[in-house]
Amino acid sequence: MTNAGTNNATTSSSTAEARVVDAVPTGLFIGGSWRPAASGRTLTVDDPATGKALCEVADAGPEDGAEALAAAVAAQAAFAAMPPRDRGEILRSAYQVIMDRIDDLALLMTLEMGKPLAESRGEVAYAAEFFRWFAEEAVRIDGGYAVAPNGASRFLVQKQPVGVSLLITPWNFPMAMGTRKIGPAIAAGCAMVMKPAQQTPLSMHALAAILAEVGLPDGVLNLVTTSDAGGVMEPLIRDGRARKLSFTGSTAVGKKLLEQCSEKVLRTSMELGGNAPFLVFDDADLDKAVEGAMLAKMRNMGEACTAANRFLVQRGVAEEFARRLTERMGALVVGRGTDDGVQVGPLVDAKGRDKVVDLVRDAVDRGATVHVGGEPGDGPGYFYRPTVLSGVPLEARLTSEEIFGPVAAITVFDEEDEALTAANDTEFGLVSYLYTENITRALRVSERLEAGMIGLNTGLVSNPAAPFGGIKESGLGREGGSVGIEEFLETKYVAIGFGG
């Protein structure tokens, strides 16, 4: 990684860990330059496996946000006019640099977020794929030309950049959530102000440095890390010069942002909360179902909006499914993500761990049985043991709230309609998982599940080439796939007189 700024000393004693942290610029990236916050304030980035500080980064205030927006506005016209092939080449070059530095970027991610190194490597590769995908989409922006039905005029349809875009990303996938927004914005020709999560900003700082290194013009990407998200971003939303907001985070925050965007009628993309059901029918291949459950539940320690939140298992296989899942979950190795053999890292912070503790306690108090886990892990970090619960009543809080932790809660059902009613009984509709070997049932249930994405006999739905997003209170719009770039484009229609 390129060192483009001044870093405070890391507390880590590991040479490799110190090297990757020290390589990351820690200022705000505005107008192509790294700089301290106007106030001089910094915020601390912690290692969730130890609770100790990794470093400090600049803590932006409203004045820094205003400068970032001004820089993006100044860069917008020229960047929109850049040939699509040139924009695509920037993304392609960034993809290659990310892959060349995958080990350092993965270590950095593990240090700030906690996930095991193998998962971090997977996320870095996944993040890079968004740049490769949208590098190819940049040259496929199209329009149209048509004859009016009465022959008296012609229709010319153009696709143009929506304009300056505000991007807000969460802490759980600190690089992939960024490239999923930055990739289509660059491909479409939109300048940006990016605000990463304060818990995990380092991966985004490293990404900004890479984009500058490969030639992204100054001011196209501006990065403001802050502990005062509302104070920095709300004025930019209400300013009117930005024309797009793309947000990934909680539904509660998304609703507030939608209210703010309504004042200036900003285009919005919202990837919000989830409460994914995982349905296992009697005719399912249990080997595949358990493997899929481990993917859908334990990716990122369960800290994902796509994580399976509610396991609805048909009575005929419920006992065996619970036994196999308990065996797999109980065998997982918990520890610091940098250690060899570790499969489950810490949760991101004390607040996240405490929420899992409360949700499990509530379920047990209501009659759920703990098969394995059910308590925090050892050590100074924010660990929670992989947990399987059965007999979870539908009124338990964890059936309606995102767990965001390594807890699988099993509820038994008898009939298909009963399972569908329970699965759809939520305000969320991001993803649902379904295991059955009956093709008719697979199609029938997939059509009736109220979700933007369905994992049919698979526990992994995310792919840069596919449209990612939900319905109901899980969001608006789609990221990735051939439609992902459309979120950053406006359609302009030109009527051409064609009189005789």
Protein backbone atom coordinates (compact mmCIF):
# COMPACT_ATOMS: atom_id res chain seq x y z
CA MET A 1 0.00 0.00 0.00
CA THR A 2 1.18 3.49 -0.71
CA ASN A 3 1.89 5.80 2.20
CA ALA A 4 0.32 9.11 1.23
CA GLY A 5 -0.06 10.67 4.64
CA THR A 6 1.19 10.84 8.18
CA ASN A 7 0.29 8.02 10.56
CA ASN A 8 0.46 7.80 14.33
CA ALA A 9 2.40 4.86 15.74
CA THR A 10 0.54 1.57 15.99
CA THR A 11 0.42 -0.19 19.33
CA SER A 12 0.90 -3.59 17.68
CA SER A 13 4.19 -5.38 18.34
CA SER A 14 4.00 -7.34 15.09
CA THR A 15 6.28 -6.03 12.38
CA ALA A 16 3.90 -7.07 9.60
CA GLU A 17 0.91 -5.58 11.38
CA ALA A 18 2.76 -2.36 12.11
CA ARG A 19 3.91 -2.14 8.50
CA VAL A 20 0.44 -2.40 6.95
CA VAL A 21 -1.11 0.01 9.44
CA ASP A 22 1.70 2.52 9.09
CA ALA A 23 1.35 2.40 5.28
CA VAL A 24 -2.19 3.78 5.38
CA PRO A 25 -2.73 7.53 5.03
CA THR A 26 -4.70 8.78 8.00
CA GLY A 27 -5.84 12.21 6.88
CA LEU A 28 -8.93 13.30 4.99
CA PHE A 29 -8.65 12.94 1.21
CA ILE A 30 -10.04 16.11 -0.37
CA GLY A 31 -9.34 17.46 -3.83
CA GLY A 32 -6.54 14.95 -4.37
CA SER A 33 -4.63 15.77 -1.17
CA TRP A 34 -4.40 14.16 2.25
CA ARG A 35 -4.93 16.67 5.03
CA PRO A 36 -5.79 16.82 8.73
CA ALA A 37 -9.26 17.78 9.89
CA ALA A 38 -9.77 21.53 10.10
CA SER A 39 -10.34 21.17 13.84
CA GLY A 40 -7.26 19.00 14.30
CA ARG A 41 -9.43 16.29 15.86
CA THR A 42 -8.69 12.59 15.40
CA LEU A 43 -10.58 9.41 16.18
CA THR A 44 -9.13 6.10 17.32
CA VAL A 45 -9.37 2.90 15.31
CA ASP A 46 -9.32 -0.18 17.54
CA ASP A 47 -8.46 -3.83 17.01
CA PRO A 48 -11.68 -5.61 18.12
CA ALA A 49 -9.72 -8.75 18.97
CA THR A 50 -7.72 -6.95 21.66
CA GLY A 51 -9.63 -3.74 22.37
CA LYS A 52 -6.37 -1.86 21.82
CA ALA A 53 -5.78 1.10 19.51
CA LEU A 54 -4.31 0.50 16.07
CA CYS A 55 -3.92 4.15 15.08
CA GLU A 56 -5.75 7.45 14.86
CA VAL A 57 -7.27 9.02 11.77
CA ALA A 58 -8.51 12.52 11.05
CA ASP A 59 -12.01 13.20 12.40
CA ALA A 60 -13.86 15.40 9.91
CA GLY A 61 -16.21 18.19 10.89
CA PRO A 62 -18.85 20.06 8.86
CA GLU A 63 -16.28 22.43 7.38
CA ASP A 64 -14.29 19.47 6.02
CA GLY A 65 -17.45 18.01 4.53
CA ALA A 66 -18.17 21.33 2.80
CA GLU A 67 -14.67 21.34 1.29
CA ALA A 68 -15.09 17.77 0.09
CA LEU A 69 -18.37 18.62 -1.61
CA ALA A 70 -16.84 21.70 -3.24
CA ALA A 71 -13.97 19.58 -4.56
CA ALA A 72 -16.38 17.04 -6.03
CA VAL A 73 -18.48 19.77 -7.64
CA ALA A 74 -15.35 21.31 -9.17
CA ALA A 75 -14.28 17.94 -10.61
CA GLN A 76 -17.68 16.80 -11.91
CA ALA A 77 -17.87 18.39 -15.36
CA ALA A 78 -14.42 17.34 -16.51
CA PHE A 79 -14.82 13.82 -15.16
CA ALA A 80 -18.21 13.39 -16.84
CA ALA A 81 -16.57 14.37 -20.12
CA MET A 82 -13.73 11.84 -19.74
CA PRO A 83 -14.03 9.07 -22.35
CA PRO A 84 -15.74 5.99 -20.93
CA ARG A 85 -12.79 3.82 -21.92
CA ASP A 86 -10.45 5.98 -19.85
CA ARG A 87 -12.73 5.73 -16.82
CA GLY A 88 -12.85 1.97 -17.29
CA GLU A 89 -9.07 1.75 -17.48
CA ILE A 90 -8.76 3.51 -14.12
CA LEU A 91 -11.01 0.87 -12.58
CA ARG A 92 -9.16 -1.95 -14.31
CA SER A 93 -5.81 -0.66 -13.07
CA ALA A 94 -7.14 -0.31 -9.54
CA TYR A 95 -8.44 -3.89 -9.71
CA GLN A 96 -4.98 -5.14 -10.58
CA VAL A 97 -3.25 -3.18 -7.82
CA ILE A 98 -5.74 -4.47 -5.25
CA MET A 99 -5.11 -8.06 -6.32
CA ASP A 100 -1.35 -7.53 -6.28
CA ARG A 101 -1.59 -6.31 -2.67
CA ILE A 102 -4.28 -8.71 -1.47
CA ASP A 103 -2.27 -10.05 1.46
CA ASP A 104 -1.48 -6.62 2.93
CA LEU A 105 -5.03 -5.38 2.38
CA ALA A 106 -6.46 -8.53 3.98
CA LEU A 107 -4.24 -8.14 7.04
CA LEU A 108 -5.27 -4.52 7.38
CA MET A 109 -8.95 -5.51 7.19
CA THR A 110 -8.54 -8.23 9.80
CA LEU A 111 -6.81 -5.82 12.17
CA GLU A 112 -9.55 -3.18 12.01
CA MET A 113 -12.59 -5.41 11.64
CA GLY A 114 -11.69 -8.75 13.20
CA LYS A 115 -12.64 -11.31 10.55
CA PRO A 116 -10.17 -14.18 9.95
CA LEU A 117 -7.51 -13.63 7.32
CA ALA A 118 -9.06 -16.14 4.93
CA GLU A 119 -12.33 -14.22 4.98
CA SER A 120 -10.53 -10.92 4.57
CA ARG A 121 -8.72 -12.23 1.51
CA GLY A 122 -12.07 -13.33 0.14
CA GLU A 123 -13.56 -9.89 0.71
CA VAL A 124 -10.62 -8.09 -0.90
CA ALA A 125 -10.96 -10.29 -4.00
CA TYR A 126 -14.73 -9.74 -4.01
CA ALA A 127 -14.21 -5.98 -3.63
CA ALA A 128 -11.76 -5.92 -6.53
CA GLU A 129 -14.26 -7.74 -8.77
CA PHE A 130 -16.62 -4.76 -8.59
CA PHE A 131 -13.90 -2.62 -10.17
CA ARG A 132 -13.26 -5.21 -12.88
CA TRP A 133 -17.01 -5.58 -13.55
CA PHE A 134 -17.72 -1.86 -13.79
CA ALA A 135 -14.57 -1.26 -15.84
CA GLU A 136 -16.39 -3.29 -18.50
CA GLU A 137 -19.76 -1.61 -17.89
CA ALA A 138 -18.28 1.88 -18.42
CA VAL A 139 -18.14 1.34 -22.19
CA ARG A 140 -21.63 -0.18 -22.37
CA ILE A 141 -23.65 2.87 -21.37
CA ASP A 142 -26.17 3.14 -24.16
CA GLY A 143 -29.12 5.18 -25.39
CA GLY A 144 -31.49 5.00 -28.32
CA TYR A 145 -32.95 6.54 -31.47
CA ALA A 146 -36.52 5.92 -32.58
CA VAL A 147 -39.20 7.17 -34.93
CA ALA A 148 -42.30 8.58 -33.24
CA PRO A 149 -45.42 6.49 -33.86
CA ASN A 150 -46.92 9.22 -36.06
CA GLY A 151 -43.67 9.73 -37.98
CA ALA A 152 -43.62 13.47 -37.26
CA SER A 153 -40.59 13.45 -34.91
CA ARG A 154 -37.66 11.41 -33.73
CA PHE A 155 -36.73 10.34 -30.21
CA LEU A 156 -33.13 10.55 -29.04
CA VAL A 157 -32.45 8.97 -25.64
CA GLN A 158 -29.20 9.63 -23.79
CA LYS A 159 -27.71 8.34 -20.52
CA GLN A 160 -25.74 10.92 -18.56
CA PRO A 161 -24.04 10.92 -15.13
CA VAL A 162 -26.45 11.77 -12.32
CA GLY A 163 -23.80 14.10 -10.89
CA VAL A 164 -21.99 14.47 -7.58
CA SER A 165 -22.80 11.48 -5.38
CA LEU A 166 -22.66 11.02 -1.61
CA LEU A 167 -21.64 7.53 -0.53
CA ILE A 168 -21.99 6.13 3.00
CA THR A 169 -20.67 2.66 3.84
CA PRO A 170 -20.91 0.39 6.92
CA TRP A 171 -18.20 -1.24 9.01
CA ASN A 172 -18.87 -4.92 8.31
CA PHE A 173 -17.44 -5.14 4.78
CA PRO A 174 -15.08 -2.17 4.85
CA MET A 175 -13.73 -2.51 1.31
CA ALA A 176 -16.42 -4.33 -0.68
CA MET A 177 -19.18 -1.92 0.34
CA GLY A 178 -16.97 0.87 -0.97
CA THR A 179 -16.06 -0.64 -4.33
CA ARG A 180 -19.71 -1.63 -4.89
CA LYS A 181 -20.55 2.10 -4.89
CA ILE A 182 -17.32 3.68 -6.17
CA GLY A 183 -17.09 1.30 -9.14
CA PRO A 184 -20.38 2.28 -10.83
CA ALA A 185 -19.92 5.94 -9.88
CA ILE A 186 -16.56 6.10 -11.66
CA ALA A 187 -17.87 4.08 -14.62
CA ALA A 188 -20.83 6.47 -14.99
CA GLY A 189 -18.73 9.63 -14.58
CA CYS A 190 -19.79 10.81 -11.12
CA ALA A 191 -17.57 12.62 -8.63
CA MET A 192 -18.04 11.49 -5.03
CA VAL A 193 -17.86 12.26 -1.34
CA MET A 194 -17.34 9.03 0.57
CA LYS A 195 -17.93 8.59 4.31
CA PRO A 196 -16.72 5.23 5.63
CA ALA A 197 -17.71 3.85 9.03
CA GLN A 198 -15.62 5.22 11.88
CA GLN A 199 -14.96 1.72 13.28
CA THR A 200 -13.29 0.48 10.07
CA PRO A 201 -11.99 3.35 7.93
CA LEU A 202 -8.52 2.02 7.15
CA SER A 203 -9.49 -0.22 4.23
CA MET A 204 -11.23 2.72 2.56
CA HIS A 205 -8.23 4.99 3.17
CA ALA A 206 -6.02 2.37 1.52
CA LEU A 207 -8.46 2.14 -1.41
CA ALA A 208 -8.50 5.92 -1.90
CA ALA A 209 -4.70 5.90 -2.03
CA ILE A 210 -4.76 3.15 -4.67
CA LEU A 211 -7.23 5.07 -6.84
CA ALA A 212 -5.06 8.18 -6.65
CA GLU A 213 -2.04 6.07 -7.54
CA VAL A 214 -3.65 4.71 -10.72
CA GLY A 215 -4.67 8.14 -11.96
CA LEU A 216 -8.16 8.97 -10.74
CA PRO A 217 -8.38 12.75 -11.26
CA ASP A 218 -8.16 14.99 -8.22
CA GLY A 219 -11.48 15.72 -6.60
CA VAL A 220 -13.36 12.79 -8.13
CA LEU A 221 -13.15 10.79 -4.89
CA ASN A 222 -13.16 12.68 -1.61
CA LEU A 223 -12.95 10.81 1.68
CA VAL A 224 -14.22 12.13 5.01
CA THR A 225 -14.01 9.84 8.03
CA THR A 226 -15.89 11.26 10.98
CA SER A 227 -17.35 10.50 14.39
CA ASP A 228 -20.17 12.97 13.62
CA ALA A 229 -21.86 11.39 10.60
CA GLY A 230 -25.03 13.45 10.86
CA GLY A 231 -23.23 16.73 11.42
CA VAL A 232 -21.00 16.19 8.39
CA MET A 233 -23.35 14.53 5.90
CA GLU A 234 -26.72 16.18 6.51
CA PRO A 235 -25.54 19.62 5.31
CA LEU A 236 -24.20 18.00 2.13
CA ILE A 237 -27.53 16.25 1.52
CA ARG A 238 -29.48 19.46 2.03
CA ASP A 239 -27.01 21.58 0.01
CA GLY A 240 -28.53 20.69 -3.35
CA ARG A 241 -25.33 20.43 -5.39
CA ALA A 242 -25.03 16.71 -4.76
CA ARG A 243 -27.64 14.81 -6.75
CA LYS A 244 -27.32 11.26 -5.47
CA LEU A 245 -27.05 9.43 -2.14
CA SER A 246 -26.07 5.78 -1.89
CA PHE A 247 -26.26 4.36 1.63
CA THR A 248 -25.66 0.94 3.16
CA GLY A 249 -26.63 0.58 6.80
CA SER A 250 -29.53 0.21 9.17
CA THR A 251 -33.15 0.77 8.16
CA ALA A 252 -33.61 3.33 10.94
CA VAL A 253 -30.78 5.51 9.64
CA GLY A 254 -31.89 4.95 6.04
CA LYS A 255 -35.33 6.35 6.82
CA LYS A 256 -33.79 9.51 8.30
CA LEU A 257 -31.61 9.95 5.23
CA LEU A 258 -34.62 9.53 2.93
CA GLU A 259 -36.37 12.33 4.79
CA GLN A 260 -33.34 14.57 4.33
CA CYS A 261 -33.02 13.66 0.65
CA SER A 262 -36.64 14.59 0.03
CA GLU A 263 -35.90 18.30 0.48
CA LYS A 264 -33.79 18.47 -2.69
CA VAL A 265 -35.28 15.31 -4.28
CA LEU A 266 -31.96 13.44 -4.43
CA ARG A 267 -31.72 10.14 -6.25
CA THR A 268 -31.28 7.45 -3.60
CA SER A 269 -30.00 3.91 -3.35
CA MET A 270 -30.63 2.24 0.00
CA GLU A 271 -29.26 -1.14 1.05
CA LEU A 272 -30.74 -1.52 4.51
CA GLY A 273 -31.41 -4.15 7.17
CA GLY A 274 -32.33 -7.78 6.76
CA ASN A 275 -33.98 -10.62 8.65
CA ALA A 276 -33.23 -13.52 6.35
CA PRO A 277 -35.19 -16.76 6.78
CA PHE A 278 -33.44 -20.05 5.97
CA LEU A 279 -36.02 -22.70 5.02
CA VAL A 280 -35.13 -26.40 5.12
CA PHE A 281 -37.77 -28.82 3.85
CA ASP A 282 -38.02 -32.54 4.56
CA ASP A 283 -36.80 -33.38 1.07
CA ALA A 284 -33.65 -31.22 1.31
CA ASP A 285 -30.17 -32.66 0.90
CA LEU A 286 -29.06 -32.17 4.52
CA ASP A 287 -25.36 -32.19 3.67
CA LYS A 288 -25.92 -29.28 1.31
CA ALA A 289 -28.31 -27.56 3.71
CA VAL A 290 -25.87 -27.65 6.62
CA GLU A 291 -23.03 -26.46 4.41
CA GLY A 292 -25.22 -23.64 3.11
CA ALA A 293 -26.29 -22.78 6.64
CA MET A 294 -22.67 -22.38 7.70
CA LEU A 295 -22.05 -20.02 4.78
CA ALA A 296 -25.23 -18.03 5.25
CA LYS A 297 -24.84 -17.77 9.04
CA MET A 298 -21.12 -17.59 9.74
CA ARG A 299 -19.78 -15.40 6.97
CA ASN A 300 -18.25 -12.42 8.73
CA MET A 301 -19.17 -13.91 12.16
CA GLY A 302 -22.81 -13.38 11.23
CA GLU A 303 -22.28 -9.63 10.94
CA ALA A 304 -23.93 -9.28 7.55
CA CYS A 305 -27.30 -8.03 6.37
CA THR A 306 -27.50 -11.21 4.27
CA ALA A 307 -26.86 -13.50 7.26
CA ALA A 308 -29.43 -16.20 7.90
CA ASN A 309 -31.32 -14.86 10.90
CA ARG A 310 -34.12 -17.42 11.30
CA PHE A 311 -33.79 -21.14 10.56
CA LEU A 312 -37.20 -22.60 9.73
CA VAL A 313 -36.80 -26.39 9.52
CA GLN A 314 -39.51 -28.93 8.69
CA ARG A 315 -40.22 -31.32 11.55
CA GLY A 316 -39.07 -34.48 9.77
CA VAL A 317 -35.46 -33.28 9.53
CA ALA A 318 -35.33 -30.71 12.33
CA GLU A 319 -33.60 -32.91 14.91
CA GLU A 320 -30.96 -34.17 12.49
CA PHE A 321 -30.36 -30.72 11.03
CA ALA A 322 -29.88 -29.28 14.52
CA ARG A 323 -27.48 -32.09 15.43
CA ARG A 324 -25.32 -31.60 12.36
CA LEU A 325 -25.33 -27.82 12.62
CA THR A 326 -24.41 -28.03 16.32
CA GLU A 327 -21.50 -30.30 15.50
CA ARG A 328 -20.19 -27.92 12.83
CA MET A 329 -20.66 -24.78 14.91
CA GLY A 330 -19.10 -26.34 18.00
CA ALA A 331 -15.98 -27.31 16.05
CA LEU A 332 -15.22 -23.77 14.87
CA VAL A 333 -12.01 -22.23 16.21
CA VAL A 334 -12.54 -18.81 17.80
CA GLY A 335 -9.72 -16.32 18.18
CA ARG A 336 -7.84 -13.37 16.79
CA GLY A 337 -8.26 -13.35 13.03
CA THR A 338 -4.51 -13.11 12.42
CA ASP A 339 -3.79 -16.41 14.20
CA ASP A 340 -3.39 -19.65 12.25
CA GLY A 341 -6.43 -21.87 12.12
CA VAL A 342 -8.89 -19.28 13.46
CA GLN A 343 -12.31 -19.48 11.78
CA VAL A 344 -14.34 -17.05 13.90
CA GLY A 345 -13.07 -13.64 14.93
CA PRO A 346 -14.47 -11.08 17.35
CA LEU A 347 -17.55 -8.96 16.88
CA VAL A 348 -16.79 -5.39 15.93
CA ASP A 349 -17.24 -3.74 19.32
CA ALA A 350 -18.67 -4.11 22.82
CA LYS A 351 -22.03 -2.75 21.74
CA GLY A 352 -22.38 -5.41 19.07
CA ARG A 353 -21.41 -8.20 21.44
CA ASP A 354 -23.77 -6.96 24.16
CA LYS A 355 -26.67 -6.98 21.71
CA VAL A 356 -26.02 -10.65 20.91
CA VAL A 357 -25.85 -11.45 24.63
CA ASP A 358 -29.23 -9.77 25.19
CA LEU A 359 -30.92 -11.48 22.23
CA VAL A 360 -29.76 -14.95 23.25
CA ARG A 361 -30.76 -14.37 26.87
CA ASP A 362 -34.23 -13.26 25.73
CA ALA A 363 -34.67 -16.38 23.60
CA VAL A 364 -33.57 -18.70 26.40
CA ASP A 365 -35.84 -16.94 28.87
CA ARG A 366 -38.71 -17.64 26.47
CA GLY A 367 -37.95 -21.34 26.31
CA ALA A 368 -35.23 -21.83 23.67
CA THR A 369 -32.68 -24.61 24.21
CA VAL A 370 -28.94 -23.95 23.86
CA HIS A 371 -27.18 -26.76 21.98
CA VAL A 372 -23.74 -25.13 21.88
CA GLY A 373 -22.29 -21.74 22.79
CA GLY A 374 -24.71 -19.27 24.28
CA GLU A 375 -22.10 -17.10 25.98
CA PRO A 376 -19.30 -14.62 25.27
CA GLY A 377 -15.83 -15.94 24.50
CA ASP A 378 -12.67 -15.57 26.51
CA GLY A 379 -10.10 -12.82 26.21
CA PRO A 380 -10.04 -9.05 26.07
CA GLY A 381 -11.69 -8.75 22.66
CA TYR A 382 -15.36 -8.74 21.70
CA PHE A 383 -15.85 -12.48 21.18
CA TYR A 384 -19.05 -14.52 21.25
CA ARG A 385 -19.07 -18.30 20.93
CA PRO A 386 -20.80 -19.86 17.89
CA THR A 387 -24.27 -20.75 19.12
CA VAL A 388 -27.15 -22.99 18.09
CA LEU A 389 -30.58 -22.59 19.66
CA SER A 390 -33.64 -24.73 19.04
CA GLY A 391 -37.24 -24.42 20.08
CA VAL A 392 -37.04 -20.69 19.51
CA PRO A 393 -40.54 -19.20 19.83
CA LEU A 394 -41.61 -16.79 17.13
CA GLU A 395 -42.10 -14.05 19.73
CA ALA A 396 -38.40 -14.09 20.70
CA ARG A 397 -36.65 -10.83 19.84
CA LEU A 398 -34.06 -12.50 17.64
CA THR A 399 -36.77 -13.60 15.22
CA SER A 400 -37.59 -9.97 14.44
CA GLU A 401 -34.25 -8.21 15.05
CA GLU A 402 -30.99 -8.65 13.15
CA ILE A 403 -28.73 -10.75 15.34
CA PHE A 404 -25.46 -9.64 13.70
CA GLY A 405 -23.58 -12.39 15.48
CA PRO A 406 -22.74 -16.14 15.31
CA VAL A 407 -26.13 -17.39 16.52
CA ALA A 408 -28.33 -19.87 14.62
CA ALA A 409 -31.91 -19.92 15.93
CA ILE A 410 -34.01 -22.91 14.83
CA THR A 411 -37.81 -23.01 14.73
CA VAL A 412 -39.73 -26.09 13.57
CA PHE A 413 -42.60 -26.00 11.07
CA ASP A 414 -44.96 -28.64 9.67
CA GLU A 415 -46.55 -27.28 6.48
CA GLU A 416 -45.23 -25.21 3.59
CA ASP A 417 -47.76 -22.43 4.09
CA GLU A 418 -46.78 -22.23 7.76
CA ALA A 419 -43.13 -21.75 6.80
CA LEU A 420 -43.94 -19.09 4.22
CA THR A 421 -46.13 -17.16 6.63
CA ALA A 422 -43.34 -17.12 9.21
CA ALA A 423 -40.66 -16.29 6.63
CA ASN A 424 -42.61 -13.32 5.26
CA ASP A 425 -43.72 -12.05 8.67
CA THR A 426 -41.16 -9.24 8.77
CA GLU A 427 -40.83 -5.69 7.53
CA PHE A 428 -37.57 -6.71 5.86
CA GLY A 429 -37.12 -8.35 2.47
CA LEU A 430 -33.45 -8.54 1.53
CA VAL A 431 -32.69 -12.24 1.07
CA SER A 432 -34.27 -15.61 1.79
CA TYR A 433 -32.64 -19.04 1.64
CA LEU A 434 -34.43 -22.21 0.57
CA TYR A 435 -33.35 -25.86 0.56
CA THR A 436 -35.42 -28.48 -1.24
CA GLU A 437 -34.77 -31.13 -3.91
CA ASN A 438 -38.29 -30.73 -5.34
CA ILE A 439 -38.10 -28.42 -8.37
CA THR A 440 -41.80 -27.55 -8.27
CA ARG A 441 -41.60 -26.60 -4.60
CA ALA A 442 -38.39 -24.67 -5.25
CA LEU A 443 -40.05 -22.48 -7.88
CA ARG A 444 -43.33 -22.15 -5.99
CA VAL A 445 -41.70 -21.11 -2.71
CA SER A 446 -39.19 -18.83 -4.44
CA GLU A 447 -42.05 -16.94 -6.07
CA ARG A 448 -43.90 -16.55 -2.77
CA LEU A 449 -40.95 -15.49 -0.62
CA GLU A 450 -40.95 -11.71 -0.15
CA ALA A 451 -37.31 -10.87 -0.77
CA GLY A 452 -35.18 -9.19 -3.39
CA MET A 453 -32.79 -12.15 -3.52
CA ILE A 454 -33.29 -15.89 -3.09
CA GLY A 455 -30.57 -18.39 -2.28
CA LEU A 456 -31.96 -21.64 -3.73
CA ASN A 457 -29.84 -24.53 -2.45
CA THR A 458 -26.98 -22.12 -1.84
CA GLY A 459 -25.93 -20.09 1.17
CA LEU A 460 -24.17 -17.40 -0.83
CA VAL A 461 -26.02 -14.91 -3.03
CA SER A 462 -23.56 -12.01 -3.39
CA ASN A 463 -21.88 -11.65 -6.77
CA PRO A 464 -20.66 -8.47 -8.53
CA ALA A 465 -22.32 -9.62 -11.75
CA ALA A 466 -25.75 -9.97 -10.10
CA PRO A 467 -28.17 -7.27 -8.87
CA PHE A 468 -27.94 -6.96 -5.08
CA GLY A 469 -30.79 -5.38 -3.12
CA GLY A 470 -34.02 -5.88 -1.25
CA ILE A 471 -37.70 -4.99 -1.09
CA LYS A 472 -39.96 -3.66 1.67
CA GLU A 473 -37.87 -1.95 4.36
CA SER A 474 -34.67 -3.58 3.17
CA GLY A 475 -33.99 -0.91 0.61
CA LEU A 476 -34.36 0.81 -2.73
CA GLY A 477 -32.46 0.18 -5.94
CA ARG A 478 -29.85 -2.42 -6.83
CA GLU A 479 -26.06 -2.59 -6.69
CA GLY A 480 -23.96 -4.74 -9.01
CA GLY A 481 -24.98 -6.53 -12.16
CA SER A 482 -25.91 -4.82 -15.40
CA VAL A 483 -28.38 -2.57 -13.54
CA GLY A 484 -25.87 -1.31 -10.96
CA ILE A 485 -24.56 1.49 -13.16
CA GLU A 486 -28.10 2.71 -13.85
CA GLU A 487 -28.27 3.98 -10.27
CA PHE A 488 -25.67 6.60 -11.24
CA LEU A 489 -27.18 7.59 -14.60
CA GLU A 490 -30.01 9.89 -15.61
CA THR A 491 -32.06 9.36 -18.77
CA LYS A 492 -32.45 12.37 -21.06
CA TYR A 493 -34.90 12.40 -23.92
CA VAL A 494 -34.50 14.76 -26.88
CA ALA A 495 -37.49 15.29 -29.18
CA ILE A 496 -36.36 16.09 -32.72
CA GLY A 497 -38.72 17.86 -35.07
CA PHE A 498 -38.99 16.07 -38.41
CA GLY A 499 -41.51 18.08 -40.36
CA GLY A 500 -41.85 17.74 -44.14
